[in-house]
Amino acid sequence: MPLGVLAAARPADRPRLSVPLAAGLATAAVLAHRLATRPVSAEIRGHALGYAVDLPHAPPVLAGYLLATVGALLLARDRLLRVLGLLTGLGAGVCALLWRTEFVSTWCALAAVASLLLLAWVRGRPGRDPGPTVTPRPLSS
């Protein structure tokens, strides 16, 4: 997320977006290392999945993750990206309050919806080259 926001930003806005990018890189490094070297478990909890990763300092890692994902959107100059950041931040709070033990699962569902909104934003930007159109070929019998 922070890299995408950074890529869409004007050059003058890029220095302040380096903070969420650095948080994202650090968080990704910690999570990748723990996923590669420690056990991970998942279990069905009601209508969601509960994940457990052996993280000795989970609150700072979660804070870094949210700074990277939500913070990058909140720091964007584009109003729609800031609104998306506000909505995802509020959504993260709701997920944490309502589904504390299933936060990762419910947050992933919310992030998937946010990704669709972000895709719509990218496709709707003025001056964007839509790229080649793919026409499906009829199935032969």
N, C-alpha and C. Protein backbone atom coordinates (compact mmCIF):
# COMPACT_ATOMS: atom_id res chain seq x y z
N MET A 1 0.81 -1.18 0.00
CA MET A 1 0.00 0.00 0.00
C MET A 1 0.86 1.26 0.00
N PRO A 2 1.85 1.36 0.90
CA PRO A 2 2.62 2.60 0.90
C PRO A 2 3.40 2.82 -0.40
N LEU A 3 3.85 1.75 -1.02
CA LEU A 3 4.57 1.89 -2.28
C LEU A 3 3.63 2.36 -3.38
N GLY A 4 2.42 1.85 -3.40
CA GLY A 4 1.43 2.28 -4.39
C GLY A 4 1.05 3.74 -4.22
N VAL A 5 0.85 4.17 -2.97
CA VAL A 5 0.52 5.58 -2.72
C VAL A 5 1.71 6.46 -3.09
N LEU A 6 2.90 6.01 -2.77
CA LEU A 6 4.11 6.76 -3.12
C LEU A 6 4.24 6.89 -4.64
N ALA A 7 3.96 5.83 -5.37
CA ALA A 7 4.05 5.87 -6.83
C ALA A 7 3.03 6.83 -7.43
N ALA A 8 1.86 6.96 -6.81
CA ALA A 8 0.81 7.83 -7.33
C ALA A 8 0.99 9.28 -6.89
N ALA A 9 1.91 9.52 -5.95
CA ALA A 9 2.06 10.86 -5.37
C ALA A 9 2.90 11.77 -6.27
N ARG A 10 2.71 13.06 -6.06
CA ARG A 10 3.55 14.04 -6.72
C ARG A 10 4.92 14.03 -6.06
N PRO A 11 5.97 14.37 -6.79
CA PRO A 11 7.32 14.34 -6.20
C PRO A 11 7.44 15.15 -4.91
N ALA A 12 6.74 16.27 -4.79
CA ALA A 12 6.84 17.09 -3.58
C ALA A 12 6.25 16.40 -2.36
N ASP A 13 5.35 15.45 -2.56
CA ASP A 13 4.68 14.76 -1.45
C ASP A 13 5.43 13.51 -1.01
N ARG A 14 6.41 13.09 -1.77
CA ARG A 14 7.07 11.81 -1.50
C ARG A 14 7.85 11.75 -0.20
N PRO A 15 8.52 12.82 0.26
CA PRO A 15 9.27 12.68 1.52
C PRO A 15 8.41 12.28 2.71
N ARG A 16 7.22 12.85 2.86
CA ARG A 16 6.39 12.49 4.01
C ARG A 16 5.82 11.09 3.88
N LEU A 17 5.73 10.57 2.66
CA LEU A 17 5.22 9.21 2.46
C LEU A 17 6.30 8.16 2.70
N SER A 18 7.53 8.61 2.96
CA SER A 18 8.60 7.64 3.25
C SER A 18 8.43 7.00 4.62
N VAL A 19 7.72 7.67 5.54
CA VAL A 19 7.50 7.09 6.87
C VAL A 19 6.64 5.82 6.80
N PRO A 20 5.46 5.88 6.15
CA PRO A 20 4.70 4.63 6.03
C PRO A 20 5.43 3.57 5.22
N LEU A 21 6.21 4.00 4.22
CA LEU A 21 6.97 3.03 3.43
C LEU A 21 8.00 2.32 4.30
N ALA A 22 8.73 3.08 5.11
CA ALA A 22 9.72 2.47 6.01
C ALA A 22 9.05 1.53 7.02
N ALA A 23 7.90 1.95 7.54
CA ALA A 23 7.16 1.08 8.47
C ALA A 23 6.72 -0.20 7.78
N GLY A 24 6.28 -0.08 6.54
CA GLY A 24 5.85 -1.25 5.79
C GLY A 24 7.00 -2.21 5.50
N LEU A 25 8.14 -1.66 5.13
CA LEU A 25 9.30 -2.52 4.86
C LEU A 25 9.77 -3.23 6.13
N ALA A 26 9.81 -2.51 7.24
CA ALA A 26 10.24 -3.13 8.51
C ALA A 26 9.24 -4.20 8.94
N THR A 27 7.96 -3.89 8.86
CA THR A 27 6.92 -4.85 9.25
C THR A 27 6.96 -6.08 8.35
N ALA A 28 7.11 -5.87 7.06
CA ALA A 28 7.18 -7.00 6.13
C ALA A 28 8.38 -7.89 6.43
N ALA A 29 9.51 -7.27 6.77
CA ALA A 29 10.71 -8.05 7.09
C ALA A 29 10.49 -8.91 8.33
N VAL A 30 9.91 -8.31 9.38
CA VAL A 30 9.65 -9.06 10.61
C VAL A 30 8.67 -10.20 10.35
N LEU A 31 7.56 -9.89 9.68
CA LEU A 31 6.55 -10.92 9.43
C LEU A 31 7.09 -12.02 8.52
N ALA A 32 7.83 -11.66 7.48
CA ALA A 32 8.39 -12.68 6.59
C ALA A 32 9.35 -13.60 7.34
N HIS A 33 10.18 -13.01 8.19
CA HIS A 33 11.12 -13.83 8.97
C HIS A 33 10.37 -14.77 9.91
N ARG A 34 9.37 -14.25 10.61
CA ARG A 34 8.63 -15.09 11.55
C ARG A 34 7.84 -16.17 10.83
N LEU A 35 7.24 -15.83 9.68
CA LEU A 35 6.49 -16.83 8.92
C LEU A 35 7.40 -17.94 8.40
N ALA A 36 8.63 -17.58 8.06
CA ALA A 36 9.56 -18.57 7.51
C ALA A 36 10.22 -19.42 8.57
N THR A 37 10.30 -18.92 9.81
CA THR A 37 11.09 -19.63 10.82
C THR A 37 10.28 -20.11 12.03
N ARG A 38 9.04 -19.74 12.14
CA ARG A 38 8.24 -20.09 13.32
C ARG A 38 6.94 -20.77 12.89
N PRO A 39 6.32 -21.48 13.80
CA PRO A 39 5.04 -22.13 13.46
C PRO A 39 3.91 -21.10 13.32
N VAL A 40 3.00 -21.42 12.42
CA VAL A 40 1.80 -20.61 12.20
C VAL A 40 0.62 -21.56 12.33
N SER A 41 -0.42 -21.09 13.00
CA SER A 41 -1.60 -21.94 13.13
C SER A 41 -2.83 -21.15 12.70
N ALA A 42 -3.84 -21.89 12.28
CA ALA A 42 -5.12 -21.29 11.91
C ALA A 42 -6.21 -22.24 12.37
N GLU A 43 -7.28 -21.67 12.87
CA GLU A 43 -8.41 -22.50 13.29
C GLU A 43 -9.71 -21.78 13.00
N ILE A 44 -10.75 -22.56 12.79
CA ILE A 44 -12.07 -21.98 12.53
C ILE A 44 -12.64 -21.52 13.86
N ARG A 45 -13.07 -20.27 13.90
CA ARG A 45 -13.69 -19.69 15.09
C ARG A 45 -15.02 -19.07 14.67
N GLY A 46 -16.06 -19.81 14.82
CA GLY A 46 -17.37 -19.32 14.37
C GLY A 46 -17.39 -19.24 12.85
N HIS A 47 -17.63 -18.03 12.34
CA HIS A 47 -17.69 -17.83 10.89
C HIS A 47 -16.42 -17.17 10.36
N ALA A 48 -15.35 -17.21 11.11
CA ALA A 48 -14.09 -16.58 10.70
C ALA A 48 -12.94 -17.53 11.01
N LEU A 49 -11.77 -17.15 10.58
CA LEU A 49 -10.56 -17.91 10.88
C LEU A 49 -9.74 -17.14 11.90
N GLY A 50 -9.18 -17.86 12.84
CA GLY A 50 -8.26 -17.26 13.79
C GLY A 50 -6.85 -17.69 13.44
N TYR A 51 -5.96 -16.73 13.26
CA TYR A 51 -4.57 -17.01 12.91
C TYR A 51 -3.68 -16.73 14.10
N ALA A 52 -2.63 -17.49 14.22
CA ALA A 52 -1.64 -17.23 15.27
C ALA A 52 -0.26 -17.39 14.66
N VAL A 53 0.52 -16.32 14.78
CA VAL A 53 1.91 -16.31 14.35
C VAL A 53 2.73 -16.02 15.60
N ASP A 54 3.81 -16.73 15.76
CA ASP A 54 4.65 -16.54 16.94
C ASP A 54 5.38 -15.20 16.85
N LEU A 55 4.73 -14.13 17.35
CA LEU A 55 5.32 -12.79 17.36
C LEU A 55 5.57 -12.37 18.79
N PRO A 56 6.83 -12.16 19.18
CA PRO A 56 7.10 -11.78 20.56
C PRO A 56 6.60 -10.38 20.91
N HIS A 57 6.54 -9.49 19.95
CA HIS A 57 6.10 -8.11 20.20
C HIS A 57 5.00 -7.75 19.20
N ALA A 58 3.86 -8.41 19.32
CA ALA A 58 2.78 -8.24 18.36
C ALA A 58 2.24 -6.81 18.28
N PRO A 59 2.01 -6.09 19.40
CA PRO A 59 1.45 -4.73 19.26
C PRO A 59 2.30 -3.79 18.41
N PRO A 60 3.63 -3.73 18.57
CA PRO A 60 4.39 -2.84 17.69
C PRO A 60 4.37 -3.28 16.22
N VAL A 61 4.34 -4.59 15.97
CA VAL A 61 4.27 -5.07 14.59
C VAL A 61 2.93 -4.68 13.98
N LEU A 62 1.85 -4.84 14.73
CA LEU A 62 0.53 -4.44 14.24
C LEU A 62 0.48 -2.93 14.01
N ALA A 63 1.07 -2.17 14.90
CA ALA A 63 1.10 -0.71 14.74
C ALA A 63 1.87 -0.34 13.48
N GLY A 64 3.00 -1.00 13.22
CA GLY A 64 3.76 -0.74 12.00
C GLY A 64 2.98 -1.09 10.76
N TYR A 65 2.26 -2.21 10.83
CA TYR A 65 1.43 -2.63 9.70
C TYR A 65 0.34 -1.61 9.41
N LEU A 66 -0.35 -1.16 10.46
CA LEU A 66 -1.43 -0.19 10.26
C LEU A 66 -0.88 1.17 9.83
N LEU A 67 0.28 1.56 10.33
CA LEU A 67 0.91 2.81 9.88
C LEU A 67 1.21 2.72 8.39
N ALA A 68 1.70 1.58 7.95
CA ALA A 68 2.03 1.41 6.54
C ALA A 68 0.78 1.43 5.66
N THR A 69 -0.23 0.68 6.04
CA THR A 69 -1.40 0.54 5.18
C THR A 69 -2.35 1.73 5.30
N VAL A 70 -2.77 2.03 6.49
CA VAL A 70 -3.73 3.11 6.70
C VAL A 70 -3.04 4.48 6.65
N GLY A 71 -1.85 4.56 7.27
CA GLY A 71 -1.14 5.83 7.31
C GLY A 71 -0.78 6.36 5.94
N ALA A 72 -0.38 5.48 5.03
CA ALA A 72 -0.04 5.93 3.67
C ALA A 72 -1.25 6.58 3.01
N LEU A 73 -2.42 5.98 3.18
CA LEU A 73 -3.63 6.56 2.59
C LEU A 73 -3.99 7.89 3.24
N LEU A 74 -3.86 7.97 4.56
CA LEU A 74 -4.20 9.21 5.25
C LEU A 74 -3.25 10.36 4.89
N LEU A 75 -2.03 10.05 4.52
CA LEU A 75 -1.06 11.08 4.15
C LEU A 75 -1.11 11.46 2.68
N ALA A 76 -1.92 10.75 1.90
CA ALA A 76 -2.03 11.06 0.47
C ALA A 76 -2.67 12.44 0.27
N ARG A 77 -2.30 13.10 -0.79
CA ARG A 77 -2.89 14.40 -1.10
C ARG A 77 -4.29 14.26 -1.69
N ASP A 78 -4.53 13.17 -2.42
CA ASP A 78 -5.83 12.95 -3.06
C ASP A 78 -6.90 12.73 -2.00
N ARG A 79 -7.99 13.46 -2.11
CA ARG A 79 -9.06 13.41 -1.12
C ARG A 79 -9.69 12.01 -1.03
N LEU A 80 -9.91 11.36 -2.16
CA LEU A 80 -10.52 10.03 -2.14
C LEU A 80 -9.62 9.01 -1.46
N LEU A 81 -8.32 9.13 -1.63
CA LEU A 81 -7.42 8.21 -0.94
C LEU A 81 -7.44 8.47 0.57
N ARG A 82 -7.54 9.73 0.97
CA ARG A 82 -7.63 10.03 2.40
C ARG A 82 -8.94 9.49 2.98
N VAL A 83 -10.03 9.60 2.24
CA VAL A 83 -11.31 9.03 2.70
C VAL A 83 -11.18 7.52 2.82
N LEU A 84 -10.53 6.88 1.85
CA LEU A 84 -10.32 5.43 1.93
C LEU A 84 -9.47 5.09 3.16
N GLY A 85 -8.46 5.91 3.45
CA GLY A 85 -7.65 5.71 4.64
C GLY A 85 -8.46 5.84 5.91
N LEU A 86 -9.34 6.83 5.95
CA LEU A 86 -10.21 7.00 7.12
C LEU A 86 -11.13 5.80 7.29
N LEU A 87 -11.73 5.35 6.19
CA LEU A 87 -12.64 4.20 6.26
C LEU A 87 -11.91 2.92 6.67
N THR A 88 -10.71 2.71 6.13
CA THR A 88 -9.98 1.49 6.51
C THR A 88 -9.49 1.58 7.95
N GLY A 89 -9.13 2.77 8.40
CA GLY A 89 -8.74 2.94 9.80
C GLY A 89 -9.89 2.65 10.74
N LEU A 90 -11.06 3.21 10.40
CA LEU A 90 -12.25 2.92 11.21
C LEU A 90 -12.61 1.44 11.14
N GLY A 91 -12.47 0.86 9.96
CA GLY A 91 -12.75 -0.57 9.80
C GLY A 91 -11.82 -1.43 10.63
N ALA A 92 -10.55 -1.04 10.70
CA ALA A 92 -9.59 -1.78 11.53
C ALA A 92 -10.01 -1.71 12.99
N GLY A 93 -10.46 -0.53 13.42
CA GLY A 93 -10.94 -0.38 14.80
C GLY A 93 -12.15 -1.24 15.08
N VAL A 94 -13.09 -1.27 14.15
CA VAL A 94 -14.29 -2.09 14.31
C VAL A 94 -13.92 -3.58 14.35
N CYS A 95 -13.03 -3.98 13.44
CA CYS A 95 -12.59 -5.39 13.43
C CYS A 95 -11.94 -5.76 14.76
N ALA A 96 -11.12 -4.87 15.29
CA ALA A 96 -10.44 -5.15 16.56
C ALA A 96 -11.42 -5.21 17.72
N LEU A 97 -12.43 -4.34 17.71
CA LEU A 97 -13.39 -4.33 18.82
C LEU A 97 -14.36 -5.49 18.77
N LEU A 98 -14.86 -5.80 17.58
CA LEU A 98 -15.90 -6.83 17.47
C LEU A 98 -15.35 -8.25 17.36
N TRP A 99 -14.20 -8.38 16.73
CA TRP A 99 -13.66 -9.71 16.48
C TRP A 99 -12.21 -9.78 16.91
N ARG A 100 -11.94 -9.50 18.15
CA ARG A 100 -10.56 -9.40 18.63
C ARG A 100 -9.72 -10.62 18.28
N THR A 101 -10.25 -11.81 18.51
CA THR A 101 -9.46 -13.02 18.25
C THR A 101 -9.43 -13.37 16.76
N GLU A 102 -10.31 -12.80 15.98
CA GLU A 102 -10.34 -13.05 14.54
C GLU A 102 -9.98 -11.80 13.75
N PHE A 103 -9.23 -10.89 14.35
CA PHE A 103 -8.91 -9.62 13.71
C PHE A 103 -8.28 -9.81 12.34
N VAL A 104 -7.30 -10.68 12.23
CA VAL A 104 -6.59 -10.86 10.95
C VAL A 104 -7.57 -11.29 9.87
N SER A 105 -8.44 -12.22 10.17
CA SER A 105 -9.39 -12.71 9.19
C SER A 105 -10.37 -11.63 8.76
N THR A 106 -10.94 -10.92 9.72
CA THR A 106 -11.92 -9.89 9.37
C THR A 106 -11.23 -8.69 8.71
N TRP A 107 -10.03 -8.36 9.15
CA TRP A 107 -9.28 -7.27 8.51
C TRP A 107 -8.98 -7.62 7.05
N CYS A 108 -8.63 -8.88 6.78
CA CYS A 108 -8.34 -9.28 5.40
C CYS A 108 -9.57 -9.11 4.52
N ALA A 109 -10.75 -9.43 5.04
CA ALA A 109 -11.98 -9.23 4.27
C ALA A 109 -12.19 -7.74 3.99
N LEU A 110 -12.01 -6.91 4.99
CA LEU A 110 -12.15 -5.46 4.81
C LEU A 110 -11.11 -4.95 3.82
N ALA A 111 -9.88 -5.42 3.91
CA ALA A 111 -8.82 -4.97 3.00
C ALA A 111 -9.12 -5.38 1.56
N ALA A 112 -9.76 -6.52 1.37
CA ALA A 112 -10.13 -6.95 0.02
C ALA A 112 -11.14 -5.97 -0.58
N VAL A 113 -12.12 -5.56 0.19
CA VAL A 113 -13.10 -4.57 -0.28
C VAL A 113 -12.40 -3.24 -0.56
N ALA A 114 -11.50 -2.83 0.33
CA ALA A 114 -10.75 -1.59 0.12
C ALA A 114 -9.92 -1.67 -1.15
N SER A 115 -9.38 -2.83 -1.46
CA SER A 115 -8.59 -3.01 -2.68
C SER A 115 -9.46 -2.80 -3.92
N LEU A 116 -10.70 -3.25 -3.87
CA LEU A 116 -11.61 -3.02 -4.99
C LEU A 116 -11.90 -1.53 -5.16
N LEU A 117 -12.07 -0.82 -4.06
CA LEU A 117 -12.28 0.63 -4.13
C LEU A 117 -11.04 1.32 -4.71
N LEU A 118 -9.87 0.85 -4.31
CA LEU A 118 -8.63 1.41 -4.82
C LEU A 118 -8.49 1.13 -6.32
N LEU A 119 -8.87 -0.04 -6.76
CA LEU A 119 -8.84 -0.37 -8.18
C LEU A 119 -9.77 0.56 -8.96
N ALA A 120 -10.96 0.80 -8.43
CA ALA A 120 -11.89 1.74 -9.08
C ALA A 120 -11.29 3.14 -9.15
N TRP A 121 -10.58 3.54 -8.10
CA TRP A 121 -9.93 4.86 -8.09
C TRP A 121 -8.88 4.94 -9.19
N VAL A 122 -8.05 3.89 -9.32
CA VAL A 122 -7.00 3.89 -10.33
C VAL A 122 -7.60 3.93 -11.72
N ARG A 123 -8.63 3.16 -11.95
CA ARG A 123 -9.25 3.12 -13.28
C ARG A 123 -9.96 4.42 -13.63
N GLY A 124 -10.38 5.17 -12.63
CA GLY A 124 -11.11 6.41 -12.87
C GLY A 124 -10.25 7.65 -12.94
N ARG A 125 -8.93 7.52 -12.79
CA ARG A 125 -8.05 8.69 -12.81
C ARG A 125 -8.03 9.30 -14.20
N PRO A 126 -8.14 10.63 -14.28
CA PRO A 126 -8.08 11.28 -15.60
C PRO A 126 -6.69 11.14 -16.22
N GLY A 127 -6.67 11.01 -17.54
CA GLY A 127 -5.41 10.90 -18.26
C GLY A 127 -4.79 9.52 -18.21
N ARG A 128 -5.47 8.58 -17.60
CA ARG A 128 -4.94 7.22 -17.50
C ARG A 128 -5.16 6.49 -18.81
N ASP A 129 -4.11 5.83 -19.29
CA ASP A 129 -4.22 5.01 -20.49
C ASP A 129 -4.88 3.70 -20.09
N PRO A 130 -6.07 3.39 -20.62
CA PRO A 130 -6.75 2.16 -20.20
C PRO A 130 -6.05 0.89 -20.64
N GLY A 131 -5.07 0.98 -21.54
CA GLY A 131 -4.36 -0.22 -21.98
C GLY A 131 -5.14 -0.97 -23.03
N PRO A 132 -4.62 -2.08 -23.46
CA PRO A 132 -5.30 -2.84 -24.52
C PRO A 132 -6.58 -3.48 -24.01
N THR A 133 -7.53 -3.55 -24.89
CA THR A 133 -8.79 -4.21 -24.57
C THR A 133 -8.70 -5.65 -25.01
N VAL A 134 -9.07 -6.55 -24.15
CA VAL A 134 -9.04 -7.98 -24.48
C VAL A 134 -10.44 -8.40 -24.86
N THR A 135 -10.56 -8.94 -26.04
CA THR A 135 -11.85 -9.44 -26.51
C THR A 135 -11.85 -10.95 -26.42
N PRO A 136 -12.79 -11.53 -25.67
CA PRO A 136 -12.79 -13.00 -25.55
C PRO A 136 -13.13 -13.65 -26.88
N ARG A 137 -12.43 -14.75 -27.17
CA ARG A 137 -12.71 -15.51 -28.38
C ARG A 137 -13.85 -16.47 -28.09
N PRO A 138 -14.68 -16.72 -29.09
CA PRO A 138 -15.76 -17.70 -28.88
C PRO A 138 -15.18 -19.10 -28.71
N LEU A 139 -15.86 -19.88 -27.88
CA LEU A 139 -15.44 -21.26 -27.66
C LEU A 139 -15.75 -22.09 -28.89
N SER A 140 -14.81 -22.90 -29.30
CA SER A 140 -15.08 -23.77 -30.44
C SER A 140 -15.64 -25.08 -29.93
N SER A 141 -16.48 -25.69 -30.75
CA SER A 141 -17.10 -26.95 -30.30
C SER A 141 -16.46 -28.13 -30.95
